[in-house]
Amino acid sequence: MAGNGRQTSRVSMPTISYELVPLYDYKRGEMNTVSGTILNLKHPEPAMITIYDIAIGLSRQVRWAGQTYHSINVAQHSVLVCALAPKAHKAAALLHDAAEAYLGDVCKPVKHLIGKKFAKLEDRLLRAVFERFSLPYGQLELIKPYDLKVMEMEHQALYKGNWNNLNALQMEAGLPVGLWSEETAQIEFTKAYEKWVLNKR
């Protein structure tokens, strides 16, 4: 069920000058990103967030803790939620999991066990993301039904082998059908960003 591979180029690498966080100096809560921006996880600021880092990070994170017969990345999931959401909420839908570009995709049972500390970290980071792209944070609640619907489609496909609903959503939205490669996911995510976030600001 791989993607159709119609795209041929990755998201272009920006020109950057790297200033790396020292390898073992992790107690400050800072991390390096692909773009060269240093992200402070304790005190994330909107200026620390780039769509490039988000697209790359989400395309390399697999959902369901990787414990499925086939893997789907978070960037593809985000684009699918965006496709399903109404026009007024598409930008929030695309970025609803943006924190996972930095924190990884932590499956729900693990989140439940970790508790409030991780939830607060995720919330701080998502608020910085939404502020960075001038989106109302309250819209996160409004896109939950679409997120859950796509999650149900993924569950049917990845665990039960029923791809009908997932493929139908992709065909209706004019997206590549099947599971996307890292490259395809980066490109489709960036295209959705340009259409629903960048052009609406």
N, C-alpha and C. Protein backbone atom coordinates (compact mmCIF):
# COMPACT_ATOMS: atom_id res chain seq x y z
N MET A 1 0.83 -1.21 0.00
CA MET A 1 0.00 0.00 0.00
C MET A 1 0.86 1.26 0.00
N ALA A 2 2.00 1.22 -0.64
CA ALA A 2 2.89 2.38 -0.65
C ALA A 2 2.29 3.50 -1.47
N GLY A 3 2.77 4.74 -1.24
CA GLY A 3 2.30 5.88 -2.00
C GLY A 3 2.66 5.74 -3.47
N ASN A 4 2.02 6.55 -4.32
CA ASN A 4 2.22 6.37 -5.75
C ASN A 4 3.49 7.02 -6.27
N GLY A 5 4.22 7.75 -5.41
CA GLY A 5 5.53 8.26 -5.79
C GLY A 5 5.52 9.32 -6.86
N ARG A 6 4.40 10.05 -7.01
CA ARG A 6 4.35 11.01 -8.10
C ARG A 6 5.25 12.22 -7.86
N GLN A 7 5.63 12.48 -6.60
CA GLN A 7 6.55 13.57 -6.31
C GLN A 7 7.98 13.10 -6.46
N THR A 8 8.86 14.00 -6.87
CA THR A 8 10.24 13.59 -7.12
C THR A 8 11.26 14.38 -6.32
N SER A 9 10.83 15.39 -5.57
CA SER A 9 11.81 16.20 -4.84
C SER A 9 11.38 16.41 -3.41
N ARG A 10 12.35 16.49 -2.51
CA ARG A 10 12.07 16.72 -1.10
C ARG A 10 11.85 18.21 -0.84
N VAL A 11 11.39 18.50 0.37
CA VAL A 11 11.33 19.89 0.81
C VAL A 11 12.75 20.44 0.78
N SER A 12 12.93 21.62 0.19
CA SER A 12 14.28 22.15 0.02
C SER A 12 14.90 22.52 1.36
N MET A 13 16.19 22.25 1.49
CA MET A 13 16.93 22.53 2.71
C MET A 13 17.27 24.01 2.76
N PRO A 14 16.88 24.71 3.84
CA PRO A 14 17.22 26.14 3.93
C PRO A 14 18.70 26.35 4.18
N THR A 15 19.18 27.56 3.83
CA THR A 15 20.55 27.92 4.13
C THR A 15 20.65 28.28 5.61
N ILE A 16 21.48 27.58 6.36
CA ILE A 16 21.55 27.80 7.81
C ILE A 16 22.99 27.80 8.28
N SER A 17 23.18 28.35 9.45
CA SER A 17 24.47 28.30 10.12
C SER A 17 24.25 27.63 11.46
N TYR A 18 24.71 26.41 11.59
CA TYR A 18 24.42 25.62 12.78
C TYR A 18 25.17 26.10 14.01
N GLU A 19 24.43 26.25 15.11
CA GLU A 19 25.01 26.45 16.43
C GLU A 19 24.39 25.36 17.30
N LEU A 20 25.12 24.29 17.52
CA LEU A 20 24.56 23.11 18.14
C LEU A 20 24.56 23.18 19.65
N VAL A 21 23.51 22.60 20.24
CA VAL A 21 23.49 22.39 21.68
C VAL A 21 24.52 21.31 21.99
N PRO A 22 25.40 21.51 22.96
CA PRO A 22 26.39 20.48 23.30
C PRO A 22 25.72 19.12 23.56
N LEU A 23 26.36 18.07 23.12
CA LEU A 23 25.77 16.74 23.12
C LEU A 23 25.18 16.33 24.46
N TYR A 24 25.90 16.57 25.54
CA TYR A 24 25.44 16.09 26.85
C TYR A 24 24.86 17.19 27.73
N ASP A 25 24.63 18.35 27.15
CA ASP A 25 24.09 19.46 27.93
C ASP A 25 22.57 19.50 27.79
N TYR A 26 21.93 18.39 28.13
CA TYR A 26 20.49 18.26 27.91
C TYR A 26 19.65 18.80 29.06
N LYS A 27 20.25 19.12 30.19
CA LYS A 27 19.48 19.56 31.36
C LYS A 27 18.85 20.93 31.16
N ARG A 28 19.35 21.69 30.19
CA ARG A 28 18.76 23.01 29.91
C ARG A 28 17.43 22.88 29.18
N GLY A 29 17.13 21.70 28.70
CA GLY A 29 15.88 21.50 27.98
C GLY A 29 15.91 22.02 26.57
N GLU A 30 17.10 22.15 26.00
CA GLU A 30 17.24 22.64 24.63
C GLU A 30 17.55 21.49 23.68
N MET A 31 17.10 21.64 22.44
CA MET A 31 17.36 20.59 21.44
C MET A 31 17.69 21.23 20.09
N ASN A 32 18.49 20.51 19.32
CA ASN A 32 18.81 20.94 17.97
C ASN A 32 17.67 20.55 17.03
N THR A 33 17.49 21.32 15.97
CA THR A 33 16.52 20.98 14.94
C THR A 33 17.22 20.93 13.59
N VAL A 34 16.54 20.36 12.61
CA VAL A 34 17.12 20.21 11.27
C VAL A 34 17.47 21.56 10.67
N SER A 35 16.64 22.57 10.92
CA SER A 35 16.87 23.89 10.32
C SER A 35 18.02 24.64 10.97
N GLY A 36 18.49 24.13 12.11
CA GLY A 36 19.55 24.82 12.83
C GLY A 36 19.04 25.67 13.97
N THR A 37 17.72 25.80 14.08
CA THR A 37 17.12 26.54 15.20
C THR A 37 17.26 25.72 16.48
N ILE A 38 17.61 26.37 17.56
CA ILE A 38 17.65 25.70 18.86
C ILE A 38 16.32 25.91 19.55
N LEU A 39 15.65 24.82 19.90
CA LEU A 39 14.34 24.88 20.54
C LEU A 39 14.48 24.63 22.03
N ASN A 40 13.97 25.57 22.83
CA ASN A 40 13.95 25.41 24.27
C ASN A 40 12.61 24.79 24.66
N LEU A 41 12.64 23.54 25.08
CA LEU A 41 11.41 22.83 25.40
C LEU A 41 10.76 23.33 26.68
N LYS A 42 11.55 23.90 27.58
CA LYS A 42 11.00 24.44 28.81
C LYS A 42 10.24 25.75 28.55
N HIS A 43 10.81 26.54 27.65
CA HIS A 43 10.21 27.84 27.35
C HIS A 43 10.19 28.05 25.83
N PRO A 44 9.34 27.29 25.11
CA PRO A 44 9.31 27.42 23.65
C PRO A 44 8.73 28.77 23.22
N GLU A 45 9.39 29.40 22.28
CA GLU A 45 8.94 30.68 21.75
C GLU A 45 8.52 30.48 20.29
N PRO A 46 7.52 31.22 19.82
CA PRO A 46 7.09 31.08 18.42
C PRO A 46 8.22 31.22 17.41
N ALA A 47 9.18 32.10 17.70
CA ALA A 47 10.30 32.33 16.77
C ALA A 47 11.18 31.09 16.62
N MET A 48 11.09 30.16 17.55
CA MET A 48 11.88 28.93 17.48
C MET A 48 11.26 27.87 16.57
N ILE A 49 10.04 28.11 16.12
CA ILE A 49 9.28 27.14 15.34
C ILE A 49 9.41 27.43 13.85
N THR A 50 9.71 26.41 13.04
CA THR A 50 9.72 26.56 11.59
C THR A 50 8.90 25.45 10.97
N ILE A 51 8.23 25.76 9.87
CA ILE A 51 7.42 24.74 9.19
C ILE A 51 8.33 23.66 8.60
N TYR A 52 9.54 24.03 8.27
CA TYR A 52 10.50 23.06 7.74
C TYR A 52 10.77 21.97 8.77
N ASP A 53 11.07 22.37 10.00
CA ASP A 53 11.32 21.38 11.06
C ASP A 53 10.10 20.51 11.31
N ILE A 54 8.92 21.12 11.26
CA ILE A 54 7.70 20.37 11.50
C ILE A 54 7.47 19.34 10.40
N ALA A 55 7.61 19.75 9.15
CA ALA A 55 7.38 18.83 8.03
C ALA A 55 8.37 17.67 8.06
N ILE A 56 9.63 17.98 8.29
CA ILE A 56 10.65 16.92 8.35
C ILE A 56 10.38 16.00 9.54
N GLY A 57 10.17 16.59 10.71
CA GLY A 57 9.98 15.80 11.92
C GLY A 57 8.78 14.88 11.84
N LEU A 58 7.64 15.40 11.39
CA LEU A 58 6.42 14.59 11.34
C LEU A 58 6.52 13.47 10.30
N SER A 59 7.23 13.75 9.22
CA SER A 59 7.36 12.72 8.17
C SER A 59 8.21 11.54 8.62
N ARG A 60 8.98 11.74 9.69
CA ARG A 60 9.88 10.68 10.19
C ARG A 60 9.35 10.02 11.46
N GLN A 61 8.17 10.44 11.91
CA GLN A 61 7.56 9.84 13.10
C GLN A 61 6.45 8.89 12.67
N VAL A 62 6.52 7.65 13.11
CA VAL A 62 5.46 6.70 12.76
C VAL A 62 4.41 6.66 13.87
N ARG A 63 3.18 6.45 13.46
CA ARG A 63 2.08 6.37 14.41
C ARG A 63 1.94 4.95 14.97
N TRP A 64 1.11 4.85 16.01
CA TRP A 64 0.80 3.56 16.62
C TRP A 64 2.04 2.87 17.18
N ALA A 65 3.02 3.66 17.60
CA ALA A 65 4.28 3.17 18.17
C ALA A 65 5.01 2.22 17.22
N GLY A 66 4.67 2.28 15.95
CA GLY A 66 5.29 1.40 14.96
C GLY A 66 4.82 -0.04 15.04
N GLN A 67 3.84 -0.31 15.88
CA GLN A 67 3.40 -1.69 16.11
C GLN A 67 2.22 -2.04 15.21
N THR A 68 2.43 -1.88 13.91
CA THR A 68 1.42 -2.21 12.91
C THR A 68 2.10 -2.96 11.77
N TYR A 69 1.32 -3.66 10.96
CA TYR A 69 1.89 -4.42 9.85
C TYR A 69 2.52 -3.50 8.81
N HIS A 70 1.93 -2.34 8.62
CA HIS A 70 2.48 -1.30 7.75
C HIS A 70 2.56 -0.03 8.58
N SER A 71 3.48 0.86 8.25
CA SER A 71 3.63 2.08 9.05
C SER A 71 3.07 3.29 8.31
N ILE A 72 2.47 4.18 9.09
CA ILE A 72 1.99 5.45 8.56
C ILE A 72 2.62 6.55 9.39
N ASN A 73 3.12 7.58 8.73
CA ASN A 73 3.80 8.64 9.47
C ASN A 73 2.83 9.74 9.89
N VAL A 74 3.26 10.55 10.84
CA VAL A 74 2.39 11.57 11.42
C VAL A 74 2.09 12.68 10.41
N ALA A 75 2.99 12.96 9.50
CA ALA A 75 2.73 13.98 8.49
C ALA A 75 1.55 13.56 7.61
N GLN A 76 1.50 12.29 7.20
CA GLN A 76 0.38 11.83 6.40
C GLN A 76 -0.91 11.91 7.21
N HIS A 77 -0.86 11.46 8.45
CA HIS A 77 -2.05 11.54 9.32
C HIS A 77 -2.54 12.98 9.40
N SER A 78 -1.64 13.94 9.57
CA SER A 78 -2.02 15.34 9.70
C SER A 78 -2.69 15.87 8.44
N VAL A 79 -2.16 15.49 7.29
CA VAL A 79 -2.76 15.91 6.02
C VAL A 79 -4.15 15.30 5.85
N LEU A 80 -4.32 14.06 6.28
CA LEU A 80 -5.63 13.40 6.18
C LEU A 80 -6.66 14.06 7.09
N VAL A 81 -6.25 14.42 8.29
CA VAL A 81 -7.16 15.14 9.20
C VAL A 81 -7.53 16.49 8.59
N CYS A 82 -6.56 17.15 8.01
CA CYS A 82 -6.79 18.42 7.33
C CYS A 82 -7.79 18.26 6.19
N ALA A 83 -7.65 17.18 5.43
CA ALA A 83 -8.54 16.93 4.30
C ALA A 83 -9.98 16.71 4.76
N LEU A 84 -10.14 16.08 5.91
CA LEU A 84 -11.47 15.76 6.42
C LEU A 84 -12.13 16.94 7.12
N ALA A 85 -11.35 17.82 7.70
CA ALA A 85 -11.89 18.95 8.47
C ALA A 85 -12.53 19.99 7.56
N PRO A 86 -13.48 20.75 8.09
CA PRO A 86 -14.09 21.84 7.31
C PRO A 86 -13.07 22.93 7.03
N LYS A 87 -13.34 23.73 6.02
CA LYS A 87 -12.39 24.74 5.56
C LYS A 87 -11.91 25.65 6.67
N ALA A 88 -12.81 26.07 7.56
CA ALA A 88 -12.45 27.02 8.61
C ALA A 88 -11.46 26.45 9.62
N HIS A 89 -11.34 25.13 9.66
CA HIS A 89 -10.50 24.49 10.67
C HIS A 89 -9.33 23.70 10.07
N LYS A 90 -9.12 23.82 8.77
CA LYS A 90 -8.09 23.02 8.11
C LYS A 90 -6.68 23.35 8.60
N ALA A 91 -6.40 24.61 8.86
CA ALA A 91 -5.06 24.99 9.33
C ALA A 91 -4.77 24.36 10.68
N ALA A 92 -5.72 24.44 11.61
CA ALA A 92 -5.54 23.83 12.93
C ALA A 92 -5.44 22.32 12.81
N ALA A 93 -6.22 21.74 11.90
CA ALA A 93 -6.18 20.29 11.71
C ALA A 93 -4.80 19.84 11.22
N LEU A 94 -4.22 20.60 10.30
CA LEU A 94 -2.90 20.24 9.77
C LEU A 94 -1.84 20.27 10.85
N LEU A 95 -1.95 21.21 11.79
CA LEU A 95 -0.90 21.42 12.79
C LEU A 95 -1.25 20.85 14.16
N HIS A 96 -2.32 20.07 14.25
CA HIS A 96 -2.76 19.61 15.57
C HIS A 96 -1.76 18.69 16.26
N ASP A 97 -0.92 18.01 15.49
CA ASP A 97 0.11 17.14 16.06
C ASP A 97 1.52 17.69 15.88
N ALA A 98 1.63 18.99 15.63
CA ALA A 98 2.94 19.58 15.31
C ALA A 98 3.97 19.39 16.41
N ALA A 99 3.54 19.32 17.66
CA ALA A 99 4.48 19.11 18.76
C ALA A 99 5.24 17.80 18.62
N GLU A 100 4.63 16.83 17.93
CA GLU A 100 5.27 15.52 17.78
C GLU A 100 6.48 15.57 16.86
N ALA A 101 6.61 16.65 16.10
CA ALA A 101 7.82 16.83 15.28
C ALA A 101 9.04 16.96 16.16
N TYR A 102 8.83 17.41 17.40
CA TYR A 102 9.93 17.62 18.35
C TYR A 102 9.92 16.59 19.49
N LEU A 103 8.73 16.17 19.89
CA LEU A 103 8.62 15.27 21.06
C LEU A 103 8.47 13.81 20.68
N GLY A 104 8.22 13.55 19.40
CA GLY A 104 7.94 12.18 18.98
C GLY A 104 6.47 11.86 19.15
N ASP A 105 6.04 10.79 18.48
CA ASP A 105 4.65 10.36 18.59
C ASP A 105 4.54 9.38 19.75
N VAL A 106 4.09 9.84 20.88
CA VAL A 106 3.93 9.00 22.07
C VAL A 106 2.52 8.43 22.04
N CYS A 107 2.39 7.11 22.01
CA CYS A 107 1.07 6.51 21.88
C CYS A 107 0.24 6.77 23.15
N LYS A 108 -1.07 6.74 22.99
CA LYS A 108 -1.98 7.16 24.06
C LYS A 108 -1.81 6.36 25.36
N PRO A 109 -1.60 5.04 25.32
CA PRO A 109 -1.40 4.34 26.59
C PRO A 109 -0.18 4.85 27.37
N VAL A 110 0.89 5.20 26.64
CA VAL A 110 2.09 5.73 27.30
C VAL A 110 1.81 7.12 27.85
N LYS A 111 1.11 7.96 27.08
CA LYS A 111 0.76 9.29 27.56
C LYS A 111 -0.04 9.19 28.86
N HIS A 112 -0.95 8.24 28.90
CA HIS A 112 -1.79 8.06 30.10
C HIS A 112 -0.92 7.69 31.29
N LEU A 113 0.07 6.84 31.07
CA LEU A 113 0.94 6.40 32.16
C LEU A 113 1.87 7.52 32.62
N ILE A 114 2.35 8.31 31.69
CA ILE A 114 3.26 9.41 32.04
C ILE A 114 2.52 10.48 32.83
N GLY A 115 1.30 10.78 32.39
CA GLY A 115 0.48 11.73 33.12
C GLY A 115 0.64 13.18 32.72
N LYS A 116 0.37 14.08 33.68
CA LYS A 116 0.22 15.49 33.39
C LYS A 116 1.51 16.19 32.96
N LYS A 117 2.65 15.69 33.40
CA LYS A 117 3.91 16.37 33.09
C LYS A 117 4.15 16.43 31.59
N PHE A 118 3.93 15.31 30.91
CA PHE A 118 4.11 15.30 29.46
C PHE A 118 3.03 16.13 28.78
N ALA A 119 1.81 16.06 29.28
CA ALA A 119 0.70 16.83 28.70
C ALA A 119 1.00 18.33 28.75
N LYS A 120 1.59 18.79 29.85
CA LYS A 120 1.93 20.20 29.98
C LYS A 120 3.03 20.60 29.00
N LEU A 121 4.00 19.73 28.82
CA LEU A 121 5.08 19.98 27.88
C LEU A 121 4.53 20.09 26.45
N GLU A 122 3.67 19.15 26.11
CA GLU A 122 3.05 19.15 24.78
C GLU A 122 2.19 20.39 24.57
N ASP A 123 1.45 20.78 25.60
CA ASP A 123 0.57 21.94 25.52
C ASP A 123 1.39 23.22 25.29
N ARG A 124 2.48 23.39 26.03
CA ARG A 124 3.33 24.57 25.87
C ARG A 124 3.86 24.68 24.44
N LEU A 125 4.28 23.56 23.92
CA LEU A 125 4.87 23.56 22.58
C LEU A 125 3.81 23.83 21.51
N LEU A 126 2.64 23.23 21.66
CA LEU A 126 1.57 23.46 20.69
C LEU A 126 1.09 24.91 20.71
N ARG A 127 1.07 25.50 21.89
CA ARG A 127 0.67 26.91 21.97
C ARG A 127 1.67 27.80 21.22
N ALA A 128 2.95 27.48 21.33
CA ALA A 128 3.97 28.23 20.59
C ALA A 128 3.79 28.06 19.08
N VAL A 129 3.46 26.83 18.67
CA VAL A 129 3.23 26.55 17.24
C VAL A 129 2.04 27.37 16.74
N PHE A 130 0.94 27.33 17.46
CA PHE A 130 -0.27 28.03 17.01
C PHE A 130 -0.06 29.55 17.01
N GLU A 131 0.71 30.05 17.96
CA GLU A 131 1.01 31.48 17.96
C GLU A 131 1.92 31.83 16.79
N ARG A 132 2.87 30.95 16.50
CA ARG A 132 3.79 31.18 15.39
C ARG A 132 3.04 31.35 14.06
N PHE A 133 1.97 30.59 13.89
CA PHE A 133 1.24 30.64 12.62
C PHE A 133 -0.10 31.36 12.74
N SER A 134 -0.25 32.15 13.82
CA SER A 134 -1.41 33.02 14.01
C SER A 134 -2.73 32.25 13.97
N LEU A 135 -2.78 31.13 14.68
CA LEU A 135 -3.98 30.32 14.74
C LEU A 135 -4.58 30.35 16.14
N PRO A 136 -5.89 30.38 16.26
CA PRO A 136 -6.53 30.35 17.58
C PRO A 136 -6.39 28.97 18.22
N TYR A 137 -5.82 28.93 19.41
CA TYR A 137 -5.55 27.65 20.07
C TYR A 137 -6.82 26.88 20.38
N GLY A 138 -7.91 27.60 20.57
CA GLY A 138 -9.17 26.94 20.89
C GLY A 138 -9.69 26.03 19.79
N GLN A 139 -9.17 26.19 18.57
CA GLN A 139 -9.63 25.34 17.47
C GLN A 139 -9.20 23.89 17.62
N LEU A 140 -8.22 23.63 18.48
CA LEU A 140 -7.79 22.24 18.69
C LEU A 140 -8.94 21.35 19.12
N GLU A 141 -9.79 21.86 19.99
CA GLU A 141 -10.93 21.08 20.46
C GLU A 141 -11.89 20.79 19.32
N LEU A 142 -12.02 21.71 18.39
CA LEU A 142 -12.99 21.58 17.31
C LEU A 142 -12.60 20.54 16.28
N ILE A 143 -11.31 20.21 16.19
CA ILE A 143 -10.89 19.26 15.16
C ILE A 143 -10.79 17.83 15.70
N LYS A 144 -11.04 17.64 16.99
CA LYS A 144 -10.93 16.30 17.57
C LYS A 144 -11.80 15.25 16.87
N PRO A 145 -13.04 15.56 16.48
CA PRO A 145 -13.85 14.55 15.78
C PRO A 145 -13.21 14.06 14.48
N TYR A 146 -12.53 14.96 13.78
CA TYR A 146 -11.90 14.59 12.50
C TYR A 146 -10.63 13.78 12.76
N ASP A 147 -9.93 14.13 13.81
CA ASP A 147 -8.74 13.37 14.22
C ASP A 147 -9.14 11.94 14.58
N LEU A 148 -10.20 11.80 15.35
CA LEU A 148 -10.67 10.47 15.76
C LEU A 148 -11.16 9.67 14.57
N LYS A 149 -11.81 10.34 13.62
CA LYS A 149 -12.31 9.64 12.43
C LYS A 149 -11.16 9.07 11.62
N VAL A 150 -10.11 9.86 11.42
CA VAL A 150 -8.95 9.37 10.68
C VAL A 150 -8.26 8.25 11.46
N MET A 151 -8.20 8.39 12.78
CA MET A 151 -7.61 7.33 13.61
C MET A 151 -8.36 6.02 13.44
N GLU A 152 -9.68 6.08 13.35
CA GLU A 152 -10.49 4.88 13.14
C GLU A 152 -10.19 4.27 11.77
N MET A 153 -10.04 5.11 10.75
CA MET A 153 -9.70 4.62 9.41
C MET A 153 -8.34 3.94 9.41
N GLU A 154 -7.37 4.54 10.10
CA GLU A 154 -6.03 3.95 10.18
C GLU A 154 -6.09 2.61 10.90
N HIS A 155 -6.85 2.55 11.96
CA HIS A 155 -6.97 1.30 12.73
C HIS A 155 -7.54 0.19 11.87
N GLN A 156 -8.57 0.51 11.10
CA GLN A 156 -9.18 -0.47 10.20
C GLN A 156 -8.18 -0.97 9.16
N ALA A 157 -7.40 -0.03 8.62
CA ALA A 157 -6.46 -0.39 7.55
C ALA A 157 -5.25 -1.15 8.09
N LEU A 158 -4.65 -0.62 9.15
CA LEU A 158 -3.37 -1.14 9.62
C LEU A 158 -3.49 -2.41 10.46
N TYR A 159 -4.62 -2.58 11.14
CA TYR A 159 -4.79 -3.76 11.98
C TYR A 159 -5.76 -4.79 11.39
N LYS A 160 -6.72 -4.31 10.59
CA LYS A 160 -7.75 -5.21 10.08
C LYS A 160 -7.66 -5.43 8.57
N GLY A 161 -6.79 -4.67 7.90
CA GLY A 161 -6.61 -4.85 6.47
C GLY A 161 -7.72 -4.28 5.62
N ASN A 162 -8.55 -3.42 6.20
CA ASN A 162 -9.65 -2.79 5.45
C ASN A 162 -9.23 -1.37 5.08
N TRP A 163 -8.83 -1.19 3.83
CA TRP A 163 -8.29 0.09 3.37
C TRP A 163 -9.35 0.97 2.70
N ASN A 164 -10.58 0.51 2.61
CA ASN A 164 -11.60 1.20 1.81
C ASN A 164 -11.79 2.65 2.22
N ASN A 165 -12.02 2.91 3.49
CA ASN A 165 -12.31 4.27 3.93
C ASN A 165 -11.10 5.19 3.82
N LEU A 166 -9.93 4.67 4.16
CA LEU A 166 -8.71 5.48 4.09
C LEU A 166 -8.40 5.84 2.64
N ASN A 167 -8.48 4.87 1.76
CA ASN A 167 -8.22 5.13 0.34
C ASN A 167 -9.25 6.07 -0.26
N ALA A 168 -10.52 5.91 0.15
CA ALA A 168 -11.58 6.77 -0.38
C ALA A 168 -11.35 8.22 0.02
N LEU A 169 -10.93 8.45 1.25
CA LEU A 169 -10.65 9.81 1.71
C LEU A 169 -9.54 10.44 0.87
N GLN A 170 -8.49 9.67 0.62
CA GLN A 170 -7.36 10.19 -0.15
C GLN A 170 -7.76 10.49 -1.59
N MET A 171 -8.55 9.60 -2.19
CA MET A 171 -8.99 9.82 -3.56
C MET A 171 -9.89 11.05 -3.66
N GLU A 172 -10.80 11.18 -2.72
CA GLU A 172 -11.73 12.32 -2.72
C GLU A 172 -10.98 13.63 -2.55
N ALA A 173 -9.89 13.62 -1.77
CA ALA A 173 -9.12 14.84 -1.52
C ALA A 173 -8.05 15.09 -2.58
N GLY A 174 -7.91 14.19 -3.55
CA GLY A 174 -6.90 14.35 -4.59
C GLY A 174 -5.49 14.11 -4.09
N LEU A 175 -5.36 13.24 -3.08
CA LEU A 175 -4.05 12.93 -2.49
C LEU A 175 -3.53 11.60 -3.00
N PRO A 176 -2.22 11.36 -2.90
CA PRO A 176 -1.68 10.04 -3.27
C PRO A 176 -2.37 8.96 -2.44
N VAL A 177 -2.73 7.86 -3.09
CA VAL A 177 -3.47 6.79 -2.42
C VAL A 177 -2.49 5.77 -1.85
N GLY A 178 -2.73 5.35 -0.63
CA GLY A 178 -1.88 4.38 0.03
C GLY A 178 -1.02 5.02 1.10
N LEU A 179 -0.01 4.31 1.54
CA LEU A 179 0.89 4.83 2.57
C LEU A 179 2.00 5.63 1.91
N TRP A 180 2.36 6.75 2.52
CA TRP A 180 3.32 7.66 1.90
C TRP A 180 4.73 7.44 2.42
N SER A 181 5.66 7.62 1.52
CA SER A 181 7.07 7.64 1.92
C SER A 181 7.34 8.93 2.68
N GLU A 182 8.49 8.98 3.32
CA GLU A 182 8.92 10.20 4.02
C GLU A 182 8.92 11.39 3.06
N GLU A 183 9.43 11.16 1.87
CA GLU A 183 9.52 12.24 0.88
C GLU A 183 8.15 12.75 0.47
N THR A 184 7.26 11.83 0.13
CA THR A 184 5.91 12.22 -0.28
C THR A 184 5.19 12.95 0.84
N ALA A 185 5.36 12.46 2.07
CA ALA A 185 4.69 13.08 3.21
C ALA A 185 5.17 14.51 3.43
N GLN A 186 6.47 14.74 3.29
CA GLN A 186 7.01 16.10 3.44
C GLN A 186 6.39 17.04 2.42
N ILE A 187 6.31 16.59 1.19
CA ILE A 187 5.81 17.44 0.12
C ILE A 187 4.32 17.72 0.27
N GLU A 188 3.54 16.68 0.57
CA GLU A 188 2.10 16.88 0.72
C GLU A 188 1.78 17.74 1.94
N PHE A 189 2.54 17.57 3.01
CA PHE A 189 2.34 18.40 4.19
C PHE A 189 2.65 19.85 3.87
N THR A 190 3.74 20.10 3.16
CA THR A 190 4.12 21.47 2.82
C THR A 190 3.11 22.10 1.87
N LYS A 191 2.60 21.33 0.94
CA LYS A 191 1.57 21.84 0.03
C LYS A 191 0.31 22.24 0.80
N ALA A 192 -0.08 21.42 1.76
CA ALA A 192 -1.25 21.74 2.57
C ALA A 192 -1.00 22.98 3.41
N TYR A 193 0.21 23.11 3.94
CA TYR A 193 0.58 24.30 4.71
C TYR A 193 0.46 25.55 3.85
N GLU A 194 0.99 25.50 2.65
CA GLU A 194 0.95 26.66 1.77
C GLU A 194 -0.48 27.05 1.41
N LYS A 195 -1.34 26.05 1.25
CA LYS A 195 -2.72 26.31 0.85
C LYS A 195 -3.59 26.80 2.01
N TRP A 196 -3.45 26.15 3.17
CA TRP A 196 -4.41 26.39 4.25
C TRP A 196 -3.87 27.24 5.41
N VAL A 197 -2.56 27.42 5.48
CA VAL A 197 -1.99 28.23 6.56
C VAL A 197 -1.34 29.48 5.99
N LEU A 198 -0.35 29.31 5.13
CA LEU A 198 0.41 30.43 4.61
C LEU A 198 -0.47 31.41 3.83
N ASN A 199 -1.31 30.90 2.97
CA ASN A 199 -2.13 31.76 2.11
C ASN A 199 -3.33 32.36 2.81
N LYS A 200 -3.57 31.92 4.06
CA LYS A 200 -4.74 32.46 4.81
C LYS A 200 -4.32 33.48 5.85
N ARG A 201 -3.01 33.71 5.98
CA ARG A 201 -2.55 34.62 7.04
C ARG A 201 -2.63 36.07 6.60
